[in-house]
Amino acid sequence: MHRPPGYADVLVHGCIGSDACDGTVEAFDTIAEYEAGNGITAATPATMTVSEEQLMKVAKAAACY
């Protein structure tokens, strides 16, 4: 059985109510589950202009992946 390669989402802010800038592991879980369910096997989360404190929360949550 042959499987097609997965797709890469090179810029994703979020989806279905979750955003990378939420800065939580739960948000990243939601994004990852959605992406995987749609054939995306690699994703690059993108942030918006937010405070340095919020960016650090995002980085810590992203580090879990």
N, C-alpha and C. Protein backbone atom coordinates (compact mmCIF):
# COMPACT_ATOMS: atom_id res chain seq x y z
N MET A 1 0.85 -1.18 0.00
CA MET A 1 0.00 0.00 0.00
C MET A 1 0.89 1.23 0.00
N HIS A 2 0.59 2.15 -0.89
CA HIS A 2 1.35 3.40 -0.96
C HIS A 2 0.54 4.51 -0.32
N ARG A 3 1.25 5.34 0.41
CA ARG A 3 0.60 6.51 1.01
C ARG A 3 1.24 7.76 0.44
N PRO A 4 0.44 8.75 0.15
CA PRO A 4 1.02 10.00 -0.33
C PRO A 4 1.76 10.70 0.81
N PRO A 5 2.71 11.53 0.48
CA PRO A 5 3.42 12.26 1.54
C PRO A 5 2.48 13.25 2.22
N GLY A 6 2.80 13.61 3.43
CA GLY A 6 2.01 14.61 4.13
C GLY A 6 2.34 15.99 3.60
N TYR A 7 1.49 16.92 3.90
CA TYR A 7 1.70 18.29 3.47
C TYR A 7 2.28 19.10 4.62
N ALA A 8 2.97 20.20 4.28
CA ALA A 8 3.52 21.10 5.28
C ALA A 8 2.75 22.42 5.22
N ASP A 9 2.28 22.86 6.37
CA ASP A 9 1.62 24.16 6.48
C ASP A 9 2.69 25.13 6.95
N VAL A 10 3.15 25.99 6.06
CA VAL A 10 4.29 26.85 6.38
C VAL A 10 3.93 28.10 7.19
N LEU A 11 2.65 28.33 7.40
CA LEU A 11 2.25 29.47 8.23
C LEU A 11 0.83 29.23 8.74
N VAL A 12 0.73 28.91 10.01
CA VAL A 12 -0.58 28.69 10.61
C VAL A 12 -0.67 29.50 11.90
N HIS A 13 -1.68 30.36 11.98
CA HIS A 13 -1.91 31.12 13.20
C HIS A 13 -2.77 30.32 14.17
N GLY A 14 -3.70 29.57 13.62
CA GLY A 14 -4.60 28.78 14.45
C GLY A 14 -5.76 28.28 13.63
N CYS A 15 -6.69 27.64 14.32
CA CYS A 15 -7.87 27.11 13.65
C CYS A 15 -8.89 26.67 14.70
N ILE A 16 -10.09 26.51 14.26
CA ILE A 16 -11.25 26.06 15.05
C ILE A 16 -11.24 26.58 16.50
N GLY A 17 -11.01 27.87 16.63
CA GLY A 17 -11.11 28.51 17.94
C GLY A 17 -9.84 28.57 18.76
N SER A 18 -8.75 28.03 18.26
CA SER A 18 -7.48 28.08 18.97
C SER A 18 -6.46 28.83 18.13
N ASP A 19 -5.55 29.52 18.81
CA ASP A 19 -4.55 30.33 18.14
C ASP A 19 -3.20 30.07 18.79
N ALA A 20 -2.15 30.07 18.00
CA ALA A 20 -0.80 29.87 18.56
C ALA A 20 -0.51 30.91 19.64
N CYS A 21 -1.01 32.11 19.47
CA CYS A 21 -0.76 33.17 20.45
C CYS A 21 -1.56 33.01 21.74
N ASP A 22 -2.41 31.98 21.80
CA ASP A 22 -3.07 31.68 23.08
C ASP A 22 -2.00 31.31 24.10
N GLY A 23 -0.90 30.73 23.61
CA GLY A 23 0.22 30.39 24.49
C GLY A 23 -0.04 29.22 25.40
N THR A 24 -0.87 28.29 24.97
CA THR A 24 -1.16 27.12 25.80
C THR A 24 -0.89 25.84 25.02
N VAL A 25 -0.55 24.80 25.75
CA VAL A 25 -0.36 23.49 25.14
C VAL A 25 -1.67 23.02 24.53
N GLU A 26 -2.79 23.33 25.17
CA GLU A 26 -4.10 22.93 24.66
C GLU A 26 -4.36 23.54 23.28
N ALA A 27 -3.97 24.80 23.09
CA ALA A 27 -4.14 25.43 21.78
C ALA A 27 -3.31 24.71 20.72
N PHE A 28 -2.07 24.39 21.07
CA PHE A 28 -1.21 23.67 20.13
C PHE A 28 -1.76 22.26 19.86
N ASP A 29 -2.32 21.62 20.88
CA ASP A 29 -2.94 20.31 20.68
C ASP A 29 -4.09 20.40 19.69
N THR A 30 -4.94 21.39 19.85
CA THR A 30 -6.08 21.58 18.96
C THR A 30 -5.63 21.81 17.53
N ILE A 31 -4.64 22.69 17.37
CA ILE A 31 -4.12 22.99 16.03
C ILE A 31 -3.50 21.73 15.42
N ALA A 32 -2.70 21.01 16.20
CA ALA A 32 -2.02 19.81 15.69
C ALA A 32 -3.03 18.73 15.30
N GLU A 33 -4.05 18.53 16.11
CA GLU A 33 -5.06 17.52 15.79
C GLU A 33 -5.82 17.88 14.51
N TYR A 34 -6.17 19.14 14.37
CA TYR A 34 -6.87 19.58 13.17
C TYR A 34 -6.00 19.40 11.94
N GLU A 35 -4.75 19.86 12.03
CA GLU A 35 -3.84 19.77 10.90
C GLU A 35 -3.63 18.30 10.51
N ALA A 36 -3.36 17.44 11.48
CA ALA A 36 -3.12 16.02 11.20
C ALA A 36 -4.34 15.38 10.55
N GLY A 37 -5.52 15.78 10.99
CA GLY A 37 -6.74 15.24 10.42
C GLY A 37 -7.00 15.67 8.99
N ASN A 38 -6.24 16.66 8.54
CA ASN A 38 -6.39 17.17 7.17
C ASN A 38 -5.15 16.93 6.32
N GLY A 39 -4.33 15.95 6.72
CA GLY A 39 -3.18 15.57 5.90
C GLY A 39 -1.92 16.40 6.09
N ILE A 40 -1.94 17.29 7.08
CA ILE A 40 -0.76 18.12 7.35
C ILE A 40 0.12 17.37 8.35
N THR A 41 1.37 17.13 7.96
CA THR A 41 2.28 16.39 8.86
C THR A 41 3.36 17.28 9.46
N ALA A 42 3.44 18.52 9.00
CA ALA A 42 4.40 19.48 9.56
C ALA A 42 3.77 20.87 9.49
N ALA A 43 3.95 21.65 10.53
CA ALA A 43 3.35 22.98 10.56
C ALA A 43 4.30 23.96 11.22
N THR A 44 4.24 25.21 10.78
CA THR A 44 5.04 26.28 11.37
C THR A 44 4.08 27.29 11.99
N PRO A 45 3.96 27.26 13.31
CA PRO A 45 3.06 28.23 13.96
C PRO A 45 3.58 29.65 13.80
N ALA A 46 2.68 30.57 13.59
CA ALA A 46 3.03 31.98 13.45
C ALA A 46 2.42 32.78 14.58
N THR A 47 3.12 33.80 15.00
CA THR A 47 2.60 34.67 16.05
C THR A 47 2.21 36.01 15.45
N MET A 48 1.55 36.80 16.28
CA MET A 48 1.17 38.14 15.89
C MET A 48 1.97 39.11 16.75
N THR A 49 1.71 40.37 16.58
CA THR A 49 2.36 41.38 17.41
C THR A 49 1.70 41.35 18.78
N VAL A 50 2.41 40.75 19.72
CA VAL A 50 1.93 40.65 21.09
C VAL A 50 3.09 41.01 22.02
N SER A 51 2.81 41.09 23.30
CA SER A 51 3.84 41.46 24.26
C SER A 51 4.94 40.39 24.33
N GLU A 52 6.10 40.79 24.81
CA GLU A 52 7.20 39.85 24.99
C GLU A 52 6.81 38.75 25.97
N GLU A 53 6.06 39.12 26.99
CA GLU A 53 5.58 38.14 27.98
C GLU A 53 4.71 37.08 27.30
N GLN A 54 3.81 37.51 26.42
CA GLN A 54 2.95 36.55 25.72
C GLN A 54 3.76 35.69 24.77
N LEU A 55 4.74 36.28 24.09
CA LEU A 55 5.59 35.49 23.20
C LEU A 55 6.35 34.40 23.95
N MET A 56 6.75 34.70 25.17
CA MET A 56 7.45 33.69 25.98
C MET A 56 6.50 32.55 26.33
N LYS A 57 5.23 32.85 26.61
CA LYS A 57 4.24 31.80 26.86
C LYS A 57 4.07 30.93 25.62
N VAL A 58 4.03 31.57 24.46
CA VAL A 58 3.89 30.83 23.20
C VAL A 58 5.09 29.92 23.00
N ALA A 59 6.29 30.46 23.23
CA ALA A 59 7.52 29.68 23.04
C ALA A 59 7.57 28.48 23.97
N LYS A 60 7.15 28.65 25.21
CA LYS A 60 7.15 27.55 26.17
C LYS A 60 6.14 26.46 25.77
N ALA A 61 4.98 26.88 25.29
CA ALA A 61 3.99 25.90 24.85
C ALA A 61 4.47 25.19 23.59
N ALA A 62 5.08 25.94 22.67
CA ALA A 62 5.59 25.33 21.43
C ALA A 62 6.72 24.35 21.72
N ALA A 63 7.49 24.60 22.76
CA ALA A 63 8.61 23.72 23.10
C ALA A 63 8.15 22.30 23.44
N CYS A 64 6.89 22.16 23.81
CA CYS A 64 6.35 20.82 24.10
C CYS A 64 6.23 19.99 22.83
N TYR A 65 6.32 20.62 21.69
CA TYR A 65 6.24 19.92 20.41
C TYR A 65 7.60 19.79 19.82
